[in-house]
Amino acid sequence: MNKNIEAVEDIINFIYHNVQYAEVNTKSDLCYKCGFNGEMQLDKESLTWHCPSCGNDDESELQVMRRTCGYIGSSYWNKGRTAEIGDRVLHL
């Protein structure tokens, strides 16, 4: 979403004028080991997160933010929820 801010503004404006309820989700992850700020990658076989910059996969040194159960949270989830997060389709 950060590559086309004008499109995001257009969508939010459309939502404001035409829709009663909508959500905009973001992926704002952080690696405390190398300082990478972006989207962590999920290994769908092991269901573990890792930093695409340095390869760090230590959960205590990663912050992964995703919407679960209606709220954006930064804790780690059980394997079922993590698999569901990995299967989500990105629409924008």
PDB file of N, CA and C in Angstrom:
ATOM      1  N   MET A   1       0.815  -1.195   0.000  1.00  0.00           N
ATOM      2  CA  MET A   1       0.000   0.000   0.000  1.00  0.00           C
ATOM      3  C   MET A   1       0.858   1.257   0.000  1.00  0.00           C
ATOM      4  N   ASN A   2       2.083   1.170   0.432  1.00  0.00           N
ATOM      5  CA  ASN A   2       2.903   2.377   0.499  1.00  0.00           C
ATOM      6  C   ASN A   2       3.478   2.773  -0.853  1.00  0.00           C
ATOM      7  N   LYS A   3       3.255   1.963  -1.881  1.00  0.00           N
ATOM      8  CA  LYS A   3       3.765   2.291  -3.210  1.00  0.00           C
ATOM      9  C   LYS A   3       2.779   3.135  -4.026  1.00  0.00           C
ATOM     10  N   ASN A   4       1.526   3.245  -3.547  1.00  0.00           N
ATOM     11  CA  ASN A   4       0.519   4.015  -4.274  1.00  0.00           C
ATOM     12  C   ASN A   4      -0.426   4.686  -3.269  1.00  0.00           C
ATOM     13  N   ILE A   5       0.088   5.692  -2.596  1.00  0.00           N
ATOM     14  CA  ILE A   5      -0.674   6.391  -1.551  1.00  0.00           C
ATOM     15  C   ILE A   5      -1.941   7.028  -2.117  1.00  0.00           C
ATOM     16  N   GLU A   6      -1.871   7.546  -3.329  1.00  0.00           N
ATOM     17  CA  GLU A   6      -3.045   8.181  -3.939  1.00  0.00           C
ATOM     18  C   GLU A   6      -4.194   7.177  -4.075  1.00  0.00           C
ATOM     19  N   ALA A   7      -3.899   5.947  -4.454  1.00  0.00           N
ATOM     20  CA  ALA A   7      -4.939   4.923  -4.574  1.00  0.00           C
ATOM     21  C   ALA A   7      -5.535   4.595  -3.207  1.00  0.00           C
ATOM     22  N   VAL A   8      -4.704   4.528  -2.180  1.00  0.00           N
ATOM     23  CA  VAL A   8      -5.198   4.267  -0.824  1.00  0.00           C
ATOM     24  C   VAL A   8      -6.124   5.394  -0.386  1.00  0.00           C
ATOM     25  N   GLU A   9      -5.740   6.633  -0.663  1.00  0.00           N
ATOM     26  CA  GLU A   9      -6.595   7.775  -0.325  1.00  0.00           C
ATOM     27  C   GLU A   9      -7.921   7.699  -1.068  1.00  0.00           C
ATOM     28  N   ASP A  10      -7.903   7.307  -2.336  1.00  0.00           N
ATOM     29  CA  ASP A  10      -9.139   7.163  -3.110  1.00  0.00           C
ATOM     30  C   ASP A  10     -10.048   6.096  -2.505  1.00  0.00           C
ATOM     31  N   ILE A  11      -9.463   4.984  -2.090  1.00  0.00           N
ATOM     32  CA  ILE A  11     -10.253   3.906  -1.490  1.00  0.00           C
ATOM     33  C   ILE A  11     -10.870   4.367  -0.174  1.00  0.00           C
ATOM     34  N   ILE A  12     -10.092   5.018   0.663  1.00  0.00           N
ATOM     35  CA  ILE A  12     -10.610   5.501   1.948  1.00  0.00           C
ATOM     36  C   ILE A  12     -11.706   6.538   1.723  1.00  0.00           C
ATOM     37  N   ASN A  13     -11.539   7.403   0.752  1.00  0.00           N
ATOM     38  CA  ASN A  13     -12.565   8.392   0.420  1.00  0.00           C
ATOM     39  C   ASN A  13     -13.843   7.700  -0.060  1.00  0.00           C
ATOM     40  N   PHE A  14     -13.707   6.663  -0.899  1.00  0.00           N
ATOM     41  CA  PHE A  14     -14.872   5.916  -1.361  1.00  0.00           C
ATOM     42  C   PHE A  14     -15.580   5.254  -0.179  1.00  0.00           C
ATOM     43  N   ILE A  15     -14.809   4.634   0.707  1.00  0.00           N
ATOM     44  CA  ILE A  15     -15.392   3.994   1.891  1.00  0.00           C
ATOM     45  C   ILE A  15     -16.159   5.021   2.721  1.00  0.00           C
ATOM     46  N   TYR A  16     -15.556   6.180   2.949  1.00  0.00           N
ATOM     47  CA  TYR A  16     -16.171   7.229   3.766  1.00  0.00           C
ATOM     48  C   TYR A  16     -17.538   7.633   3.217  1.00  0.00           C
ATOM     49  N   HIS A  17     -17.652   7.729   1.900  1.00  0.00           N
ATOM     50  CA  HIS A  17     -18.882   8.227   1.285  1.00  0.00           C
ATOM     51  C   HIS A  17     -19.888   7.132   0.929  1.00  0.00           C
ATOM     52  N   ASN A  18     -19.477   5.858   0.892  1.00  0.00           N
ATOM     53  CA  ASN A  18     -20.359   4.827   0.349  1.00  0.00           C
ATOM     54  C   ASN A  18     -20.551   3.579   1.201  1.00  0.00           C
ATOM     55  N   VAL A  19     -19.737   3.363   2.188  1.00  0.00           N
ATOM     56  CA  VAL A  19     -19.769   2.093   2.908  1.00  0.00           C
ATOM     57  C   VAL A  19     -19.951   2.364   4.403  1.00  0.00           C
ATOM     58  N   GLN A  20     -20.776   1.538   5.057  1.00  0.00           N
ATOM     59  CA  GLN A  20     -20.995   1.730   6.489  1.00  0.00           C
ATOM     60  C   GLN A  20     -19.836   1.215   7.329  1.00  0.00           C
ATOM     61  N   TYR A  21     -19.170   0.157   6.859  1.00  0.00           N
ATOM     62  CA  TYR A  21     -18.068  -0.406   7.647  1.00  0.00           C
ATOM     63  C   TYR A  21     -17.042  -1.033   6.709  1.00  0.00           C
ATOM     64  N   ALA A  22     -15.791  -0.765   6.976  1.00  0.00           N
ATOM     65  CA  ALA A  22     -14.704  -1.381   6.209  1.00  0.00           C
ATOM     66  C   ALA A  22     -13.437  -1.340   7.052  1.00  0.00           C
ATOM     67  N   GLU A  23     -12.487  -2.185   6.706  1.00  0.00           N
ATOM     68  CA  GLU A  23     -11.203  -2.221   7.401  1.00  0.00           C
ATOM     69  C   GLU A  23     -10.078  -2.091   6.389  1.00  0.00           C
ATOM     70  N   VAL A  24      -9.027  -1.431   6.800  1.00  0.00           N
ATOM     71  CA  VAL A  24      -7.799  -1.387   6.011  1.00  0.00           C
ATOM     72  C   VAL A  24      -6.737  -2.055   6.868  1.00  0.00           C
ATOM     73  N   ASN A  25      -6.195  -3.145   6.374  1.00  0.00           N
ATOM     74  CA  ASN A  25      -5.179  -3.877   7.121  1.00  0.00           C
ATOM     75  C   ASN A  25      -3.795  -3.469   6.651  1.00  0.00           C
ATOM     76  N   THR A  26      -2.850  -3.578   7.545  1.00  0.00           N
ATOM     77  CA  THR A  26      -1.474  -3.233   7.216  1.00  0.00           C
ATOM     78  C   THR A  26      -0.542  -4.312   7.748  1.00  0.00           C
ATOM     79  N   LYS A  27       0.598  -4.426   7.137  1.00  0.00           N
ATOM     80  CA  LYS A  27       1.632  -5.347   7.607  1.00  0.00           C
ATOM     81  C   LYS A  27       2.824  -4.487   7.988  1.00  0.00           C
ATOM     82  N   SER A  28       3.021  -4.312   9.257  1.00  0.00           N
ATOM     83  CA  SER A  28       4.090  -3.447   9.751  1.00  0.00           C
ATOM     84  C   SER A  28       4.919  -4.242  10.744  1.00  0.00           C
ATOM     85  N   ASP A  29       5.842  -5.026  10.222  1.00  0.00           N
ATOM     86  CA  ASP A  29       6.643  -5.916  11.050  1.00  0.00           C
ATOM     87  C   ASP A  29       8.014  -5.309  11.301  1.00  0.00           C
ATOM     88  N   LEU A  30       8.686  -5.811  12.330  1.00  0.00           N
ATOM     89  CA  LEU A  30       9.986  -5.270  12.708  1.00  0.00           C
ATOM     90  C   LEU A  30      10.904  -6.390  13.160  1.00  0.00           C
ATOM     91  N   CYS A  31      12.140  -6.364  12.671  1.00  0.00           N
ATOM     92  CA  CYS A  31      13.177  -7.288  13.131  1.00  0.00           C
ATOM     93  C   CYS A  31      14.082  -6.513  14.078  1.00  0.00           C
ATOM     94  N   TYR A  32      14.124  -6.948  15.333  1.00  0.00           N
ATOM     95  CA  TYR A  32      14.964  -6.269  16.321  1.00  0.00           C
ATOM     96  C   TYR A  32      16.444  -6.596  16.134  1.00  0.00           C
ATOM     97  N   LYS A  33      16.738  -7.628  15.346  1.00  0.00           N
ATOM     98  CA  LYS A  33      18.134  -8.020  15.129  1.00  0.00           C
ATOM     99  C   LYS A  33      18.825  -7.102  14.122  1.00  0.00           C
ATOM    100  N   CYS A  34      18.170  -6.835  12.968  1.00  0.00           N
ATOM    101  CA  CYS A  34      18.811  -6.016  11.927  1.00  0.00           C
ATOM    102  C   CYS A  34      18.128  -4.673  11.705  1.00  0.00           C
ATOM    103  N   GLY A  35      16.948  -4.468  12.307  1.00  0.00           N
ATOM    104  CA  GLY A  35      16.239  -3.203  12.149  1.00  0.00           C
ATOM    105  C   GLY A  35      15.315  -3.148  10.948  1.00  0.00           C
ATOM    106  N   PHE A  36      15.162  -4.262  10.209  1.00  0.00           N
ATOM    107  CA  PHE A  36      14.268  -4.287   9.046  1.00  0.00           C
ATOM    108  C   PHE A  36      12.858  -3.932   9.473  1.00  0.00           C
ATOM    109  N   ASN A  37      12.212  -3.047   8.717  1.00  0.00           N
ATOM    110  CA  ASN A  37      10.835  -2.646   8.958  1.00  0.00           C
ATOM    111  C   ASN A  37      10.088  -2.872   7.664  1.00  0.00           C
ATOM    112  N   GLY A  38       9.204  -3.849   7.642  1.00  0.00           N
ATOM    113  CA  GLY A  38       8.479  -4.206   6.425  1.00  0.00           C
ATOM    114  C   GLY A  38       7.627  -5.419   6.705  1.00  0.00           C
ATOM    115  N   GLU A  39       7.613  -6.374   5.795  1.00  0.00           N
ATOM    116  CA  GLU A  39       6.792  -7.571   5.954  1.00  0.00           C
ATOM    117  C   GLU A  39       7.669  -8.801   6.165  1.00  0.00           C
ATOM    118  N   MET A  40       7.485  -9.462   7.308  1.00  0.00           N
ATOM    119  CA  MET A  40       8.190 -10.713   7.567  1.00  0.00           C
ATOM    120  C   MET A  40       7.610 -11.800   6.673  1.00  0.00           C
ATOM    121  N   GLN A  41       8.407 -12.783   6.357  1.00  0.00           N
ATOM    122  CA  GLN A  41       7.984 -13.883   5.502  1.00  0.00           C
ATOM    123  C   GLN A  41       7.588 -15.076   6.370  1.00  0.00           C
ATOM    124  N   LEU A  42       6.574 -15.797   5.917  1.00  0.00           N
ATOM    125  CA  LEU A  42       6.091 -16.973   6.632  1.00  0.00           C
ATOM    126  C   LEU A  42       6.484 -18.220   5.864  1.00  0.00           C
ATOM    127  N   ASP A  43       7.175 -19.145   6.517  1.00  0.00           N
ATOM    128  CA  ASP A  43       7.467 -20.457   5.943  1.00  0.00           C
ATOM    129  C   ASP A  43       6.216 -21.303   6.159  1.00  0.00           C
ATOM    130  N   LYS A  44       5.498 -21.619   5.077  1.00  0.00           N
ATOM    131  CA  LYS A  44       4.208 -22.293   5.200  1.00  0.00           C
ATOM    132  C   LYS A  44       4.333 -23.747   5.645  1.00  0.00           C
ATOM    133  N   GLU A  45       5.509 -24.343   5.518  1.00  0.00           N
ATOM    134  CA  GLU A  45       5.686 -25.723   5.989  1.00  0.00           C
ATOM    135  C   GLU A  45       5.896 -25.775   7.496  1.00  0.00           C
ATOM    136  N   SER A  46       6.808 -24.954   8.003  1.00  0.00           N
ATOM    137  CA  SER A  46       7.095 -24.967   9.445  1.00  0.00           C
ATOM    138  C   SER A  46       6.222 -23.985  10.220  1.00  0.00           C
ATOM    139  N   LEU A  47       5.515 -23.102   9.487  1.00  0.00           N
ATOM    140  CA  LEU A  47       4.679 -22.055  10.079  1.00  0.00           C
ATOM    141  C   LEU A  47       5.481 -21.167  11.025  1.00  0.00           C
ATOM    142  N   THR A  48       6.682 -20.809  10.586  1.00  0.00           N
ATOM    143  CA  THR A  48       7.530 -19.898  11.348  1.00  0.00           C
ATOM    144  C   THR A  48       7.800 -18.657  10.513  1.00  0.00           C
ATOM    145  N   TRP A  49       7.929 -17.534  11.189  1.00  0.00           N
ATOM    146  CA  TRP A  49       8.208 -16.258  10.550  1.00  0.00           C
ATOM    147  C   TRP A  49       9.710 -16.035  10.504  1.00  0.00           C
ATOM    148  N   HIS A  50      10.166 -15.345   9.462  1.00  0.00           N
ATOM    149  CA  HIS A  50      11.580 -14.973   9.399  1.00  0.00           C
ATOM    150  C   HIS A  50      11.731 -13.628   8.700  1.00  0.00           C
ATOM    151  N   CYS A  51      12.828 -12.959   8.996  1.00  0.00           N
ATOM    152  CA  CYS A  51      13.134 -11.658   8.413  1.00  0.00           C
ATOM    153  C   CYS A  51      13.705 -11.864   7.012  1.00  0.00           C
ATOM    154  N   PRO A  52      13.144 -11.201   5.988  1.00  0.00           N
ATOM    155  CA  PRO A  52      13.672 -11.353   4.633  1.00  0.00           C
ATOM    156  C   PRO A  52      15.025 -10.675   4.441  1.00  0.00           C
ATOM    157  N   SER A  53      15.407  -9.823   5.375  1.00  0.00           N
ATOM    158  CA  SER A  53      16.675  -9.105   5.254  1.00  0.00           C
ATOM    159  C   SER A  53      17.843  -9.899   5.832  1.00  0.00           C
ATOM    160  N   CYS A  54      17.681 -10.412   7.062  1.00  0.00           N
ATOM    161  CA  CYS A  54      18.810 -11.089   7.722  1.00  0.00           C
ATOM    162  C   CYS A  54      18.552 -12.569   7.997  1.00  0.00           C
ATOM    163  N   GLY A  55      17.321 -13.049   7.756  1.00  0.00           N
ATOM    164  CA  GLY A  55      17.007 -14.454   7.984  1.00  0.00           C
ATOM    165  C   GLY A  55      16.656 -14.797   9.422  1.00  0.00           C
ATOM    166  N   ASN A  56      16.639 -13.822  10.312  1.00  0.00           N
ATOM    167  CA  ASN A  56      16.321 -14.057  11.719  1.00  0.00           C
ATOM    168  C   ASN A  56      14.952 -14.726  11.850  1.00  0.00           C
ATOM    169  N   ASP A  57      14.885 -15.826  12.616  1.00  0.00           N
ATOM    170  CA  ASP A  57      13.606 -16.484  12.867  1.00  0.00           C
ATOM    171  C   ASP A  57      13.332 -16.672  14.363  1.00  0.00           C
ATOM    172  N   ASP A  58      14.017 -15.901  15.181  1.00  0.00           N
ATOM    173  CA  ASP A  58      13.830 -15.937  16.636  1.00  0.00           C
ATOM    174  C   ASP A  58      12.624 -15.066  16.990  1.00  0.00           C
ATOM    175  N   GLU A  59      11.524 -15.707  17.418  1.00  0.00           N
ATOM    176  CA  GLU A  59      10.288 -14.971  17.713  1.00  0.00           C
ATOM    177  C   GLU A  59      10.487 -13.872  18.747  1.00  0.00           C
ATOM    178  N   SER A  60      11.475 -14.018  19.626  1.00  0.00           N
ATOM    179  CA  SER A  60      11.704 -12.988  20.641  1.00  0.00           C
ATOM    180  C   SER A  60      12.384 -11.752  20.051  1.00  0.00           C
ATOM    181  N   GLU A  61      12.886 -11.862  18.814  1.00  0.00           N
ATOM    182  CA  GLU A  61      13.539 -10.733  18.153  1.00  0.00           C
ATOM    183  C   GLU A  61      12.776 -10.262  16.920  1.00  0.00           C
ATOM    184  N   LEU A  62      11.532 -10.719  16.764  1.00  0.00           N
ATOM    185  CA  LEU A  62      10.672 -10.299  15.656  1.00  0.00           C
ATOM    186  C   LEU A  62       9.354  -9.780  16.211  1.00  0.00           C
ATOM    187  N   GLN A  63       8.829  -8.747  15.568  1.00  0.00           N
ATOM    188  CA  GLN A  63       7.474  -8.284  15.876  1.00  0.00           C
ATOM    189  C   GLN A  63       6.671  -8.425  14.596  1.00  0.00           C
ATOM    190  N   VAL A  64       5.665  -9.285  14.631  1.00  0.00           N
ATOM    191  CA  VAL A  64       4.808  -9.532  13.475  1.00  0.00           C
ATOM    192  C   VAL A  64       3.413  -9.041  13.831  1.00  0.00           C
ATOM    193  N   MET A  65       2.890  -8.094  13.049  1.00  0.00           N
ATOM    194  CA  MET A  65       1.578  -7.492  13.311  1.00  0.00           C
ATOM    195  C   MET A  65       0.592  -7.958  12.237  1.00  0.00           C
ATOM    196  N   ARG A  66      -0.490  -8.597  12.652  1.00  0.00           N
ATOM    197  CA  ARG A  66      -1.540  -9.008  11.727  1.00  0.00           C
ATOM    198  C   ARG A  66      -2.892  -8.855  12.409  1.00  0.00           C
ATOM    199  N   ARG A  67      -3.928  -8.654  11.579  1.00  0.00           N
ATOM    200  CA  ARG A  67      -5.286  -8.587  12.124  1.00  0.00           C
ATOM    201  C   ARG A  67      -5.767 -10.015  12.377  1.00  0.00           C
ATOM    202  N   THR A  68      -6.148 -10.271  13.608  1.00  0.00           N
ATOM    203  CA  THR A  68      -6.753 -11.554  13.969  1.00  0.00           C
ATOM    204  C   THR A  68      -7.955 -11.272  14.849  1.00  0.00           C
ATOM    205  N   CYS A  69      -9.042 -11.919  14.543  1.00  0.00           N
ATOM    206  CA  CYS A  69     -10.270 -11.785  15.346  1.00  0.00           C
ATOM    207  C   CYS A  69     -10.703 -10.328  15.486  1.00  0.00           C
ATOM    208  N   GLY A  70     -10.505  -9.530  14.432  1.00  0.00           N
ATOM    209  CA  GLY A  70     -10.971  -8.153  14.427  1.00  0.00           C
ATOM    210  C   GLY A  70     -10.003  -7.118  14.949  1.00  0.00           C
ATOM    211  N   TYR A  71      -8.883  -7.541  15.510  1.00  0.00           N
ATOM    212  CA  TYR A  71      -7.929  -6.596  16.091  1.00  0.00           C
ATOM    213  C   TYR A  71      -6.537  -6.837  15.516  1.00  0.00           C
ATOM    214  N   ILE A  72      -5.769  -5.763  15.364  1.00  0.00           N
ATOM    215  CA  ILE A  72      -4.386  -5.921  14.937  1.00  0.00           C
ATOM    216  C   ILE A  72      -3.561  -6.239  16.172  1.00  0.00           C
ATOM    217  N   GLY A  73      -2.913  -7.391  16.145  1.00  0.00           N
ATOM    218  CA  GLY A  73      -2.136  -7.826  17.296  1.00  0.00           C
ATOM    219  C   GLY A  73      -0.713  -8.169  16.905  1.00  0.00           C
ATOM    220  N   SER A  74       0.145  -8.237  17.903  1.00  0.00           N
ATOM    221  CA  SER A  74       1.553  -8.508  17.628  1.00  0.00           C
ATOM    222  C   SER A  74       2.064  -9.731  18.369  1.00  0.00           C
ATOM    223  N   SER A  75       1.157 -10.574  18.829  1.00  0.00           N
ATOM    224  CA  SER A  75       1.611 -11.785  19.494  1.00  0.00           C
ATOM    225  C   SER A  75       1.656 -12.920  18.472  1.00  0.00           C
ATOM    226  N   TYR A  76       2.287 -14.005  18.851  1.00  0.00           N
ATOM    227  CA  TYR A  76       2.318 -15.150  17.948  1.00  0.00           C
ATOM    228  C   TYR A  76       1.088 -15.995  18.185  1.00  0.00           C
ATOM    229  N   TRP A  77       0.658 -16.667  17.144  1.00  0.00           N
ATOM    230  CA  TRP A  77      -0.603 -17.374  17.145  1.00  0.00           C
ATOM    231  C   TRP A  77      -0.356 -18.869  17.116  1.00  0.00           C
ATOM    232  N   ASN A  78      -1.420 -19.637  17.398  1.00  0.00           N
ATOM    233  CA  ASN A  78      -1.277 -21.086  17.298  1.00  0.00           C
ATOM    234  C   ASN A  78      -1.096 -21.469  15.828  1.00  0.00           C
ATOM    235  N   LYS A  79      -0.738 -22.709  15.569  1.00  0.00           N
ATOM    236  CA  LYS A  79      -0.410 -23.132  14.201  1.00  0.00           C
ATOM    237  C   LYS A  79      -1.602 -22.993  13.254  1.00  0.00           C
ATOM    238  N   GLY A  80      -2.817 -23.261  13.750  1.00  0.00           N
ATOM    239  CA  GLY A  80      -4.003 -23.129  12.907  1.00  0.00           C
ATOM    240  C   GLY A  80      -4.233 -21.693  12.462  1.00  0.00           C
ATOM    241  N   ARG A  81      -4.130 -20.756  13.391  1.00  0.00           N
ATOM    242  CA  ARG A  81      -4.318 -19.341  13.063  1.00  0.00           C
ATOM    243  C   ARG A  81      -3.187 -18.853  12.157  1.00  0.00           C
ATOM    244  N   THR A  82      -1.959 -19.288  12.428  1.00  0.00           N
ATOM    245  CA  THR A  82      -0.823 -18.887  11.596  1.00  0.00           C
ATOM    246  C   THR A  82      -0.999 -19.403  10.173  1.00  0.00           C
ATOM    247  N   ALA A  83      -1.479 -20.642  10.015  1.00  0.00           N
ATOM    248  CA  ALA A  83      -1.732 -21.186   8.676  1.00  0.00           C
ATOM    249  C   ALA A  83      -2.804 -20.365   7.969  1.00  0.00           C
ATOM    250  N   GLU A  84      -3.851 -19.973   8.698  1.00  0.00           N
ATOM    251  CA  GLU A  84      -4.916 -19.154   8.103  1.00  0.00           C
ATOM    252  C   GLU A  84      -4.368 -17.806   7.655  1.00  0.00           C
ATOM    253  N   ILE A  85      -3.506 -17.201   8.450  1.00  0.00           N
ATOM    254  CA  ILE A  85      -2.888 -15.930   8.073  1.00  0.00           C
ATOM    255  C   ILE A  85      -2.077 -16.112   6.792  1.00  0.00           C
ATOM    256  N   GLY A  86      -1.350 -17.215   6.691  1.00  0.00           N
ATOM    257  CA  GLY A  86      -0.543 -17.489   5.504  1.00  0.00           C
ATOM    258  C   GLY A  86      -1.361 -17.738   4.253  1.00  0.00           C
ATOM    259  N   ASP A  87      -2.606 -18.194   4.411  1.00  0.00           N
ATOM    260  CA  ASP A  87      -3.473 -18.486   3.264  1.00  0.00           C
ATOM    261  C   ASP A  87      -4.297 -17.288   2.806  1.00  0.00           C
ATOM    262  N   ARG A  88      -4.211 -16.189   3.497  1.00  0.00           N
ATOM    263  CA  ARG A  88      -5.012 -15.016   3.132  1.00  0.00           C
ATOM    264  C   ARG A  88      -4.628 -14.485   1.756  1.00  0.00           C
ATOM    265  N   VAL A  89      -5.631 -13.936   1.074  1.00  0.00           N
ATOM    266  CA  VAL A  89      -5.439 -13.361  -0.255  1.00  0.00           C
ATOM    267  C   VAL A  89      -5.322 -11.851  -0.120  1.00  0.00           C
ATOM    268  N   LEU A  90      -4.304 -11.284  -0.717  1.00  0.00           N
ATOM    269  CA  LEU A  90      -4.106  -9.838  -0.707  1.00  0.00           C
ATOM    270  C   LEU A  90      -4.877  -9.231  -1.875  1.00  0.00           C
ATOM    271  N   HIS A  91      -5.801  -8.317  -1.589  1.00  0.00           N
ATOM    272  CA  HIS A  91      -6.648  -7.740  -2.627  1.00  0.00           C
ATOM    273  C   HIS A  91      -6.085  -6.460  -3.223  1.00  0.00           C
ATOM    274  N   LEU A  92      -5.239  -5.770  -2.517  1.00  0.00           N
ATOM    275  CA  LEU A  92      -4.644  -4.532  -3.042  1.00  0.00           C
ATOM    276  C   LEU A  92      -3.148  -4.639  -3.024  1.00  0.00           C
TER     277      LEU A  92
END
